[in-house]
């Protein structure tokens, strides 16, 4: 496979959603002043298949091979019509889509996948290209969905927590907001990680002090990143609710154009069973979801 260093890589399968993802990725490539690399690969349908599913996969793979060039040509035409000044390259591979995109992600600026909603059941039993790539890619992964095929003037929402990937997530969000010339909203959830019954006397808890501490931590990291992107107007919100609910509420309140979150690098099984903010947003968000991982978490 070719190595497109610093390119925006987008996976296509011939669907309308994938074509719209290509258009959005082309617009983002123009903002980043980089190239667009469009990839068509074989479907990722999981392992340990039954005979019926294996036969279905074989038929799908045969069909995909036959129309790969048509799919790539249509996607490249859509990208060039959207952004005629962006350099567009294409690639077809027999490698499963998740493996192909993860490999290209080693050198890519970001990966874009035209994604329908990812359900926990799908992640657990079948596997999802979007989830697999977001879990293992070295670069940010965008699960594109929604109606906008170009960046808008709507804000960027980012979830900020205490994990190692949070600094990478926040920097990526500021970079998007800077390039798009839009506002940024940083959100932190401070729901207590233990049940109230575990506290000897909840009435003695200084909840205002807890919220103030969360606010101080959030504003400190946001201000530090804001200094590297002084053109971005950033605001902070701290909410005593679960992270997914907090972010979804803020997306609706802001009318955000995309949301940026971190991933702790869990595999598909643990993510589906345990739940995660990234997985829940992939399932529920109506705007593109950008999943970021720190270098130490990528594998």
C-alpha atoms as a PDB file:
ATOM      1  CA  UNK A   1       0.000   0.000   0.000  1.00  0.00           C
ATOM      2  CA  UNK A   2       1.133   3.513  -0.681  1.00  0.00           C
ATOM      3  CA  UNK A   3       2.183   5.748   2.192  1.00  0.00           C
ATOM      4  CA  UNK A   4       0.438   9.142   2.079  1.00  0.00           C
ATOM      5  CA  UNK A   5       2.361  11.074   4.714  1.00  0.00           C
ATOM      6  CA  UNK A   6       0.287  13.805   6.294  1.00  0.00           C
ATOM      7  CA  UNK A   7      -2.693  13.192   4.013  1.00  0.00           C
ATOM      8  CA  UNK A   8      -6.336  13.049   5.013  1.00  0.00           C
ATOM      9  CA  UNK A   9      -7.269   9.398   4.419  1.00  0.00           C
ATOM     10  CA  UNK A  10     -10.909   8.538   3.779  1.00  0.00           C
ATOM     11  CA  UNK A  11     -12.425   5.094   3.368  1.00  0.00           C
ATOM     12  CA  UNK A  12     -15.177   4.541   0.803  1.00  0.00           C
ATOM     13  CA  UNK A  13     -17.590   1.692   0.103  1.00  0.00           C
ATOM     14  CA  UNK A  14     -19.830   3.175  -2.595  1.00  0.00           C
ATOM     15  CA  UNK A  15     -22.537   4.408  -0.219  1.00  0.00           C
ATOM     16  CA  UNK A  16     -23.971   7.910  -0.215  1.00  0.00           C
ATOM     17  CA  UNK A  17     -22.642   8.368   3.297  1.00  0.00           C
ATOM     18  CA  UNK A  18     -19.121   7.561   2.139  1.00  0.00           C
ATOM     19  CA  UNK A  19     -19.385  10.049  -0.734  1.00  0.00           C
ATOM     20  CA  UNK A  20     -20.480  12.785   1.651  1.00  0.00           C
ATOM     21  CA  UNK A  21     -17.597  11.843   3.947  1.00  0.00           C
ATOM     22  CA  UNK A  22     -15.265  12.280   0.965  1.00  0.00           C
ATOM     23  CA  UNK A  23     -16.660  15.753   0.284  1.00  0.00           C
ATOM     24  CA  UNK A  24     -16.199  16.742   3.928  1.00  0.00           C
ATOM     25  CA  UNK A  25     -12.696  15.254   4.024  1.00  0.00           C
ATOM     26  CA  UNK A  26     -11.750  17.169   0.862  1.00  0.00           C
ATOM     27  CA  UNK A  27     -12.875  20.427   2.461  1.00  0.00           C
ATOM     28  CA  UNK A  28     -10.866  19.639   5.585  1.00  0.00           C
ATOM     29  CA  UNK A  29      -7.818  18.721   3.484  1.00  0.00           C
ATOM     30  CA  UNK A  30      -8.065  22.135   1.846  1.00  0.00           C
ATOM     31  CA  UNK A  31      -8.073  23.814   5.270  1.00  0.00           C
ATOM     32  CA  UNK A  32      -5.100  21.726   6.407  1.00  0.00           C
ATOM     33  CA  UNK A  33      -3.360  22.430   3.069  1.00  0.00           C
ATOM     34  CA  UNK A  34      -2.682  18.756   2.522  1.00  0.00           C
ATOM     35  CA  UNK A  35      -3.709  16.009   0.110  1.00  0.00           C
ATOM     36  CA  UNK A  36      -6.642  13.606   0.160  1.00  0.00           C
ATOM     37  CA  UNK A  37      -6.098   9.863  -0.150  1.00  0.00           C
ATOM     38  CA  UNK A  38      -9.232   7.817  -0.935  1.00  0.00           C
ATOM     39  CA  UNK A  39      -9.134   4.118  -0.081  1.00  0.00           C
ATOM     40  CA  UNK A  40     -11.390   1.271  -1.087  1.00  0.00           C
ATOM     41  CA  UNK A  41     -10.835  -1.990   0.794  1.00  0.00           C
ATOM     42  CA  UNK A  42     -12.641  -5.225   1.457  1.00  0.00           C
ATOM     43  CA  UNK A  43     -15.396  -5.208   4.095  1.00  0.00           C
ATOM     44  CA  UNK A  44     -14.456  -6.052   7.661  1.00  0.00           C
ATOM     45  CA  UNK A  45     -17.057  -8.654   8.627  1.00  0.00           C
ATOM     46  CA  UNK A  46     -15.378 -10.187  11.643  1.00  0.00           C
ATOM     47  CA  UNK A  47     -13.730 -13.488  12.479  1.00  0.00           C
ATOM     48  CA  UNK A  48     -14.908 -17.040  13.276  1.00  0.00           C
ATOM     49  CA  UNK A  49     -17.658 -16.828  10.697  1.00  0.00           C
ATOM     50  CA  UNK A  50     -20.433 -19.343  10.169  1.00  0.00           C
ATOM     51  CA  UNK A  51     -20.628 -20.994   6.747  1.00  0.00           C
ATOM     52  CA  UNK A  52     -23.538 -18.749   5.789  1.00  0.00           C
ATOM     53  CA  UNK A  53     -21.784 -15.540   6.774  1.00  0.00           C
ATOM     54  CA  UNK A  54     -18.541 -16.713   5.156  1.00  0.00           C
ATOM     55  CA  UNK A  55     -20.404 -17.312   1.885  1.00  0.00           C
ATOM     56  CA  UNK A  56     -22.023 -13.903   2.158  1.00  0.00           C
ATOM     57  CA  UNK A  57     -18.641 -12.275   2.726  1.00  0.00           C
ATOM     58  CA  UNK A  58     -17.185 -14.038  -0.296  1.00  0.00           C
ATOM     59  CA  UNK A  59     -20.031 -12.764  -2.461  1.00  0.00           C
ATOM     60  CA  UNK A  60     -19.665  -9.221  -1.109  1.00  0.00           C
ATOM     61  CA  UNK A  61     -15.906  -9.259  -1.644  1.00  0.00           C
ATOM     62  CA  UNK A  62     -16.314 -10.453  -5.223  1.00  0.00           C
ATOM     63  CA  UNK A  63     -18.839  -7.701  -5.923  1.00  0.00           C
ATOM     64  CA  UNK A  64     -16.646  -5.072  -4.262  1.00  0.00           C
ATOM     65  CA  UNK A  65     -13.642  -6.120  -6.358  1.00  0.00           C
ATOM     66  CA  UNK A  66     -15.679  -5.782  -9.534  1.00  0.00           C
ATOM     67  CA  UNK A  67     -16.828  -2.241  -8.785  1.00  0.00           C
ATOM     68  CA  UNK A  68     -13.809  -0.926  -6.847  1.00  0.00           C
ATOM     69  CA  UNK A  69     -12.587   1.273  -9.696  1.00  0.00           C
ATOM     70  CA  UNK A  70     -16.059   2.709 -10.242  1.00  0.00           C
ATOM     71  CA  UNK A  71     -16.381   3.525  -6.534  1.00  0.00           C
ATOM     72  CA  UNK A  72     -12.962   5.188  -6.417  1.00  0.00           C
ATOM     73  CA  UNK A  73     -13.538   7.176  -9.599  1.00  0.00           C
ATOM     74  CA  UNK A  74     -16.888   8.437  -8.320  1.00  0.00           C
ATOM     75  CA  UNK A  75     -15.349   9.420  -4.974  1.00  0.00           C
ATOM     76  CA  UNK A  76     -12.396  11.194  -6.601  1.00  0.00           C
ATOM     77  CA  UNK A  77     -14.752  13.109  -8.899  1.00  0.00           C
ATOM     78  CA  UNK A  78     -16.837  14.188  -5.904  1.00  0.00           C
ATOM     79  CA  UNK A  79     -13.725  15.363  -4.044  1.00  0.00           C
ATOM     80  CA  UNK A  80     -12.345  17.321  -7.004  1.00  0.00           C
ATOM     81  CA  UNK A  81     -15.720  18.928  -7.673  1.00  0.00           C
ATOM     82  CA  UNK A  82     -15.823  20.047  -4.045  1.00  0.00           C
ATOM     83  CA  UNK A  83     -12.178  21.152  -3.793  1.00  0.00           C
ATOM     84  CA  UNK A  84     -10.472  21.411  -7.218  1.00  0.00           C
ATOM     85  CA  UNK A  85      -7.179  22.586  -5.704  1.00  0.00           C
ATOM     86  CA  UNK A  86      -6.725  19.580  -3.413  1.00  0.00           C
ATOM     87  CA  UNK A  87      -4.446  16.792  -4.663  1.00  0.00           C
ATOM     88  CA  UNK A  88      -6.490  13.583  -4.716  1.00  0.00           C
ATOM     89  CA  UNK A  89      -5.042  10.062  -4.878  1.00  0.00           C
ATOM     90  CA  UNK A  90      -6.863   6.722  -4.772  1.00  0.00           C
ATOM     91  CA  UNK A  91      -6.050   3.184  -3.733  1.00  0.00           C
ATOM     92  CA  UNK A  92      -7.772  -0.182  -3.905  1.00  0.00           C
ATOM     93  CA  UNK A  93      -6.643  -3.053  -1.696  1.00  0.00           C
ATOM     94  CA  UNK A  94      -7.747  -6.600  -0.920  1.00  0.00           C
ATOM     95  CA  UNK A  95      -6.868  -6.013   2.731  1.00  0.00           C
ATOM     96  CA  UNK A  96      -9.846  -5.770   5.119  1.00  0.00           C
ATOM     97  CA  UNK A  97     -10.923  -2.165   5.537  1.00  0.00           C
ATOM     98  CA  UNK A  98     -10.026  -1.847   9.214  1.00  0.00           C
ATOM     99  CA  UNK A  99      -6.509  -3.224   8.671  1.00  0.00           C
ATOM    100  CA  UNK A 100      -5.927  -1.049   5.595  1.00  0.00           C
ATOM    101  CA  UNK A 101      -7.021   2.155   7.322  1.00  0.00           C
ATOM    102  CA  UNK A 102      -5.085   1.415  10.513  1.00  0.00           C
ATOM    103  CA  UNK A 103      -1.956   0.824   8.432  1.00  0.00           C
ATOM    104  CA  UNK A 104      -2.370   4.080   6.537  1.00  0.00           C
ATOM    105  CA  UNK A 105      -3.081   5.860   9.809  1.00  0.00           C
ATOM    106  CA  UNK A 106       0.569   5.469  10.795  1.00  0.00           C
ATOM    107  CA  UNK A 107       1.464   8.309   8.437  1.00  0.00           C
ATOM    108  CA  UNK A 108      -1.886  10.060   7.897  1.00  0.00           C
ATOM    109  CA  UNK A 109      -2.994  13.400   9.326  1.00  0.00           C
ATOM    110  CA  UNK A 110      -6.365  11.842  10.084  1.00  0.00           C
ATOM    111  CA  UNK A 111      -8.709   9.099   8.920  1.00  0.00           C
ATOM    112  CA  UNK A 112     -12.302   9.782   7.899  1.00  0.00           C
ATOM    113  CA  UNK A 113     -14.915   7.036   7.722  1.00  0.00           C
ATOM    114  CA  UNK A 114     -18.452   7.570   6.469  1.00  0.00           C
ATOM    115  CA  UNK A 115     -20.156   6.055   9.466  1.00  0.00           C
ATOM    116  CA  UNK A 116     -23.657   5.076  10.355  1.00  0.00           C
ATOM    117  CA  UNK A 117     -24.334   4.715  14.066  1.00  0.00           C
ATOM    118  CA  UNK A 118     -22.246   2.094  15.865  1.00  0.00           C
ATOM    119  CA  UNK A 119     -24.370   0.028  18.219  1.00  0.00           C
ATOM    120  CA  UNK A 120     -22.940  -1.831  21.232  1.00  0.00           C
ATOM    121  CA  UNK A 121     -24.385  -5.077  19.872  1.00  0.00           C
ATOM    122  CA  UNK A 122     -22.696  -4.490  16.515  1.00  0.00           C
ATOM    123  CA  UNK A 123     -19.396  -3.775  18.213  1.00  0.00           C
ATOM    124  CA  UNK A 124     -19.685  -6.909  20.321  1.00  0.00           C
ATOM    125  CA  UNK A 125     -20.946  -9.517  17.870  1.00  0.00           C
ATOM    126  CA  UNK A 126     -20.030  -8.377  14.363  1.00  0.00           C
ATOM    127  CA  UNK A 127     -17.310  -5.809  14.685  1.00  0.00           C
ATOM    128  CA  UNK A 128     -17.260  -2.351  13.184  1.00  0.00           C
ATOM    129  CA  UNK A 129     -14.711  -0.828  10.846  1.00  0.00           C
ATOM    130  CA  UNK A 130     -15.250   2.540  12.478  1.00  0.00           C
ATOM    131  CA  UNK A 131     -14.810   1.180  15.994  1.00  0.00           C
ATOM    132  CA  UNK A 132     -11.793  -0.951  15.075  1.00  0.00           C
ATOM    133  CA  UNK A 133     -10.023   1.962  13.381  1.00  0.00           C
ATOM    134  CA  UNK A 134     -10.863   4.390  16.190  1.00  0.00           C
ATOM    135  CA  UNK A 135      -9.538   1.874  18.711  1.00  0.00           C
ATOM    136  CA  UNK A 136      -6.202   1.192  17.005  1.00  0.00           C
ATOM    137  CA  UNK A 137      -5.244   4.041  14.653  1.00  0.00           C
ATOM    138  CA  UNK A 138      -2.274   6.260  15.496  1.00  0.00           C
ATOM    139  CA  UNK A 139      -3.992   9.415  14.209  1.00  0.00           C
ATOM    140  CA  UNK A 140      -7.374  11.053  14.898  1.00  0.00           C
ATOM    141  CA  UNK A 141     -10.310   9.158  13.399  1.00  0.00           C
ATOM    142  CA  UNK A 142     -13.450  10.957  12.222  1.00  0.00           C
ATOM    143  CA  UNK A 143     -16.722   9.061  12.117  1.00  0.00           C
ATOM    144  CA  UNK A 144     -18.545  11.310   9.678  1.00  0.00           C
ATOM    145  CA  UNK A 145     -22.311  11.678   9.806  1.00  0.00           C
ATOM    146  CA  UNK A 146     -24.832  14.467   9.490  1.00  0.00           C
ATOM    147  CA  UNK A 147     -25.758  16.852   6.671  1.00  0.00           C
ATOM    148  CA  UNK A 148     -22.813  19.225   6.296  1.00  0.00           C
ATOM    149  CA  UNK A 149     -20.222  18.281   3.682  1.00  0.00           C
ATOM    150  CA  UNK A 150     -18.075  21.353   4.383  1.00  0.00           C
ATOM    151  CA  UNK A 151     -16.999  22.996   7.653  1.00  0.00           C
ATOM    152  CA  UNK A 152     -19.549  25.510   8.929  1.00  0.00           C
ATOM    153  CA  UNK A 153     -19.432  28.458  11.329  1.00  0.00           C
ATOM    154  CA  UNK A 154     -20.802  26.306  14.156  1.00  0.00           C
ATOM    155  CA  UNK A 155     -18.670  25.586  17.255  1.00  0.00           C
ATOM    156  CA  UNK A 156     -16.439  22.615  18.000  1.00  0.00           C
ATOM    157  CA  UNK A 157     -17.258  20.748  21.230  1.00  0.00           C
ATOM    158  CA  UNK A 158     -14.540  18.787  23.038  1.00  0.00           C
ATOM    159  CA  UNK A 159     -14.694  16.492  26.038  1.00  0.00           C
ATOM    160  CA  UNK A 160     -11.842  17.004  28.517  1.00  0.00           C
ATOM    161  CA  UNK A 161     -11.039  14.626  31.379  1.00  0.00           C
ATOM    162  CA  UNK A 162      -8.048  13.551  33.443  1.00  0.00           C
ATOM    163  CA  UNK A 163      -6.783  10.833  31.073  1.00  0.00           C
ATOM    164  CA  UNK A 164      -3.504  10.892  29.175  1.00  0.00           C
ATOM    165  CA  UNK A 165      -5.245  11.317  25.838  1.00  0.00           C
ATOM    166  CA  UNK A 166      -7.012  14.481  26.995  1.00  0.00           C
ATOM    167  CA  UNK A 167      -4.155  16.812  26.024  1.00  0.00           C
ATOM    168  CA  UNK A 168      -4.065  15.285  22.528  1.00  0.00           C
ATOM    169  CA  UNK A 169      -7.849  15.564  22.277  1.00  0.00           C
ATOM    170  CA  UNK A 170      -7.892  19.206  23.327  1.00  0.00           C
ATOM    171  CA  UNK A 171      -5.080  20.140  20.932  1.00  0.00           C
ATOM    172  CA  UNK A 172      -6.908  18.466  18.042  1.00  0.00           C
ATOM    173  CA  UNK A 173     -10.118  20.342  18.915  1.00  0.00           C
ATOM    174  CA  UNK A 174      -8.292  23.681  19.043  1.00  0.00           C
ATOM    175  CA  UNK A 175      -6.640  22.919  15.714  1.00  0.00           C
ATOM    176  CA  UNK A 176     -10.030  22.279  14.115  1.00  0.00           C
ATOM    177  CA  UNK A 177     -11.527  25.422  15.647  1.00  0.00           C
ATOM    178  CA  UNK A 178      -8.526  27.492  14.549  1.00  0.00           C
ATOM    179  CA  UNK A 179      -8.630  26.248  10.959  1.00  0.00           C
ATOM    180  CA  UNK A 180     -12.408  26.569  10.739  1.00  0.00           C
ATOM    181  CA  UNK A 181     -12.326  29.997  12.466  1.00  0.00           C
ATOM    182  CA  UNK A 182     -15.043  28.971  14.936  1.00  0.00           C
ATOM    183  CA  UNK A 183     -15.610  28.952  18.680  1.00  0.00           C
ATOM    184  CA  UNK A 184     -14.640  26.043  20.909  1.00  0.00           C
ATOM    185  CA  UNK A 185     -16.567  24.673  23.869  1.00  0.00           C
ATOM    186  CA  UNK A 186     -14.622  22.528  26.353  1.00  0.00           C
ATOM    187  CA  UNK A 187     -16.794  20.277  28.501  1.00  0.00           C
ATOM    188  CA  UNK A 188     -15.951  18.354  31.637  1.00  0.00           C
ATOM    189  CA  UNK A 189     -18.164  15.973  33.562  1.00  0.00           C
ATOM    190  CA  UNK A 190     -17.556  15.693  37.284  1.00  0.00           C
ATOM    191  CA  UNK A 191     -19.970  12.960  38.247  1.00  0.00           C
ATOM    192  CA  UNK A 192     -18.656  11.194  41.347  1.00  0.00           C
ATOM    193  CA  UNK A 193     -17.163   7.795  40.391  1.00  0.00           C
ATOM    194  CA  UNK A 194     -18.613   6.085  43.475  1.00  0.00           C
ATOM    195  CA  UNK A 195     -22.246   5.760  44.571  1.00  0.00           C
ATOM    196  CA  UNK A 196     -23.615   8.100  47.212  1.00  0.00           C
ATOM    197  CA  UNK A 197     -24.044   5.118  49.564  1.00  0.00           C
ATOM    198  CA  UNK A 198     -20.271   4.776  49.658  1.00  0.00           C
ATOM    199  CA  UNK A 199     -20.020   8.182  51.296  1.00  0.00           C
ATOM    200  CA  UNK A 200     -20.500   7.991  55.060  1.00  0.00           C
ATOM    201  CA  UNK A 201     -22.544  11.168  55.088  1.00  0.00           C
ATOM    202  CA  UNK A 202     -23.196  12.780  51.680  1.00  0.00           C
ATOM    203  CA  UNK A 203     -24.507  15.904  53.400  1.00  0.00           C
ATOM    204  CA  UNK A 204     -21.001  16.589  54.661  1.00  0.00           C
ATOM    205  CA  UNK A 205     -19.547  16.594  51.132  1.00  0.00           C
ATOM    206  CA  UNK A 206     -18.546  20.046  49.921  1.00  0.00           C
ATOM    207  CA  UNK A 207     -20.090  19.791  46.464  1.00  0.00           C
ATOM    208  CA  UNK A 208     -19.330  23.427  45.615  1.00  0.00           C
ATOM    209  CA  UNK A 209     -15.659  22.845  46.369  1.00  0.00           C
ATOM    210  CA  UNK A 210     -15.639  19.734  44.175  1.00  0.00           C
ATOM    211  CA  UNK A 211     -17.176  21.650  41.285  1.00  0.00           C
ATOM    212  CA  UNK A 212     -14.738  24.536  41.793  1.00  0.00           C
ATOM    213  CA  UNK A 213     -11.811  22.113  41.693  1.00  0.00           C
ATOM    214  CA  UNK A 214     -13.061  20.575  38.450  1.00  0.00           C
ATOM    215  CA  UNK A 215     -13.571  24.052  36.977  1.00  0.00           C
ATOM    216  CA  UNK A 216     -10.034  25.123  37.965  1.00  0.00           C
ATOM    217  CA  UNK A 217      -8.498  22.026  36.384  1.00  0.00           C
ATOM    218  CA  UNK A 218     -10.481  22.459  33.167  1.00  0.00           C
ATOM    219  CA  UNK A 219      -9.764  26.164  32.727  1.00  0.00           C
ATOM    220  CA  UNK A 220      -6.064  25.597  33.417  1.00  0.00           C
ATOM    221  CA  UNK A 221      -5.598  23.040  30.636  1.00  0.00           C
ATOM    222  CA  UNK A 222      -7.851  24.946  28.227  1.00  0.00           C
ATOM    223  CA  UNK A 223      -6.018  28.232  28.804  1.00  0.00           C
ATOM    224  CA  UNK A 224      -2.684  26.526  28.253  1.00  0.00           C
ATOM    225  CA  UNK A 225      -3.833  25.173  24.899  1.00  0.00           C
ATOM    226  CA  UNK A 226      -5.577  28.445  24.036  1.00  0.00           C
ATOM    227  CA  UNK A 227      -2.231  30.240  24.224  1.00  0.00           C
ATOM    228  CA  UNK A 228      -1.075  28.185  21.233  1.00  0.00           C
ATOM    229  CA  UNK A 229      -4.269  29.103  19.364  1.00  0.00           C
ATOM    230  CA  UNK A 230      -5.004  32.694  20.463  1.00  0.00           C
ATOM    231  CA  UNK A 231      -7.475  33.301  17.635  1.00  0.00           C
ATOM    232  CA  UNK A 232      -9.908  30.753  19.058  1.00  0.00           C
ATOM    233  CA  UNK A 233     -12.610  31.933  21.457  1.00  0.00           C
ATOM    234  CA  UNK A 234     -12.908  29.128  24.015  1.00  0.00           C
ATOM    235  CA  UNK A 235     -15.487  28.644  26.738  1.00  0.00           C
ATOM    236  CA  UNK A 236     -15.640  26.029  29.496  1.00  0.00           C
ATOM    237  CA  UNK A 237     -18.562  24.102  30.937  1.00  0.00           C
ATOM    238  CA  UNK A 238     -18.511  21.810  33.966  1.00  0.00           C
ATOM    239  CA  UNK A 239     -21.574  19.619  34.505  1.00  0.00           C
ATOM    240  CA  UNK A 240     -22.427  17.118  37.285  1.00  0.00           C
ATOM    241  CA  UNK A 241     -23.672  14.483  34.855  1.00  0.00           C
ATOM    242  CA  UNK A 242     -22.292  11.531  32.928  1.00  0.00           C
ATOM    243  CA  UNK A 243     -19.821  12.464  30.137  1.00  0.00           C
ATOM    244  CA  UNK A 244     -21.967  11.262  27.226  1.00  0.00           C
ATOM    245  CA  UNK A 245     -25.072  13.105  28.415  1.00  0.00           C
ATOM    246  CA  UNK A 246     -23.034  16.240  29.070  1.00  0.00           C
ATOM    247  CA  UNK A 247     -21.498  16.216  25.592  1.00  0.00           C
ATOM    248  CA  UNK A 248     -24.740  15.417  23.775  1.00  0.00           C
ATOM    249  CA  UNK A 249     -26.504  18.206  25.642  1.00  0.00           C
ATOM    250  CA  UNK A 250     -23.756  20.643  24.733  1.00  0.00           C
ATOM    251  CA  UNK A 251     -23.801  19.571  21.073  1.00  0.00           C
ATOM    252  CA  UNK A 252     -27.509  20.352  20.944  1.00  0.00           C
ATOM    253  CA  UNK A 253     -27.148  23.597  22.914  1.00  0.00           C
ATOM    254  CA  UNK A 254     -24.276  24.905  20.750  1.00  0.00           C
ATOM    255  CA  UNK A 255     -25.570  23.518  17.472  1.00  0.00           C
ATOM    256  CA  UNK A 256     -22.030  22.122  17.155  1.00  0.00           C
ATOM    257  CA  UNK A 257     -20.589  20.961  13.840  1.00  0.00           C
ATOM    258  CA  UNK A 258     -18.428  18.226  15.377  1.00  0.00           C
ATOM    259  CA  UNK A 259     -17.408  16.756  18.719  1.00  0.00           C
ATOM    260  CA  UNK A 260     -13.902  15.664  19.717  1.00  0.00           C
ATOM    261  CA  UNK A 261     -13.287  12.988  22.359  1.00  0.00           C
ATOM    262  CA  UNK A 262     -10.464  10.796  23.587  1.00  0.00           C
ATOM    263  CA  UNK A 263     -10.273   7.031  23.615  1.00  0.00           C
ATOM    264  CA  UNK A 264      -8.625   4.852  26.228  1.00  0.00           C
ATOM    265  CA  UNK A 265      -7.809   2.234  23.618  1.00  0.00           C
ATOM    266  CA  UNK A 266     -10.159  -0.485  24.787  1.00  0.00           C
ATOM    267  CA  UNK A 267     -10.888  -3.335  22.443  1.00  0.00           C
ATOM    268  CA  UNK A 268     -14.302  -3.865  20.873  1.00  0.00           C
ATOM    269  CA  UNK A 269     -15.412  -6.398  23.477  1.00  0.00           C
ATOM    270  CA  UNK A 270     -14.646  -4.321  26.563  1.00  0.00           C
ATOM    271  CA  UNK A 271     -15.981  -1.149  24.951  1.00  0.00           C
ATOM    272  CA  UNK A 272     -19.285  -2.813  24.153  1.00  0.00           C
ATOM    273  CA  UNK A 273     -19.658  -4.430  27.564  1.00  0.00           C
ATOM    274  CA  UNK A 274     -18.348  -1.626  29.748  1.00  0.00           C
ATOM    275  CA  UNK A 275     -19.446   1.325  27.659  1.00  0.00           C
ATOM    276  CA  UNK A 276     -17.306   4.366  26.936  1.00  0.00           C
ATOM    277  CA  UNK A 277     -17.888   7.988  26.077  1.00  0.00           C
ATOM    278  CA  UNK A 278     -16.421   7.488  22.607  1.00  0.00           C
ATOM    279  CA  UNK A 279     -18.570   4.432  21.872  1.00  0.00           C
ATOM    280  CA  UNK A 280     -21.715   6.123  23.170  1.00  0.00           C
ATOM    281  CA  UNK A 281     -21.087   9.172  21.005  1.00  0.00           C
ATOM    282  CA  UNK A 282     -20.478   6.979  17.968  1.00  0.00           C
ATOM    283  CA  UNK A 283     -23.876   5.483  18.704  1.00  0.00           C
ATOM    284  CA  UNK A 284     -25.833   8.658  19.507  1.00  0.00           C
ATOM    285  CA  UNK A 285     -24.148  11.732  18.008  1.00  0.00           C
ATOM    286  CA  UNK A 286     -25.778  13.358  14.991  1.00  0.00           C
ATOM    287  CA  UNK A 287     -22.588  15.264  14.084  1.00  0.00           C
ATOM    288  CA  UNK A 288     -19.128  13.983  13.130  1.00  0.00           C
ATOM    289  CA  UNK A 289     -17.240  12.403  16.026  1.00  0.00           C
ATOM    290  CA  UNK A 290     -13.456  12.804  16.170  1.00  0.00           C
ATOM    291  CA  UNK A 291     -11.756  10.143  18.304  1.00  0.00           C
ATOM    292  CA  UNK A 292      -8.182  10.917  19.434  1.00  0.00           C
ATOM    293  CA  UNK A 293      -5.614   8.749  21.188  1.00  0.00           C
ATOM    294  CA  UNK A 294      -2.280   9.567  22.777  1.00  0.00           C
ATOM    295  CA  UNK A 295       0.853   8.072  21.197  1.00  0.00           C
ATOM    296  CA  UNK A 296       1.338   5.733  24.174  1.00  0.00           C
ATOM    297  CA  UNK A 297      -2.183   4.356  23.762  1.00  0.00           C
ATOM    298  CA  UNK A 298      -1.940   3.718  20.007  1.00  0.00           C
ATOM    299  CA  UNK A 299      -1.091   0.173  19.048  1.00  0.00           C
END
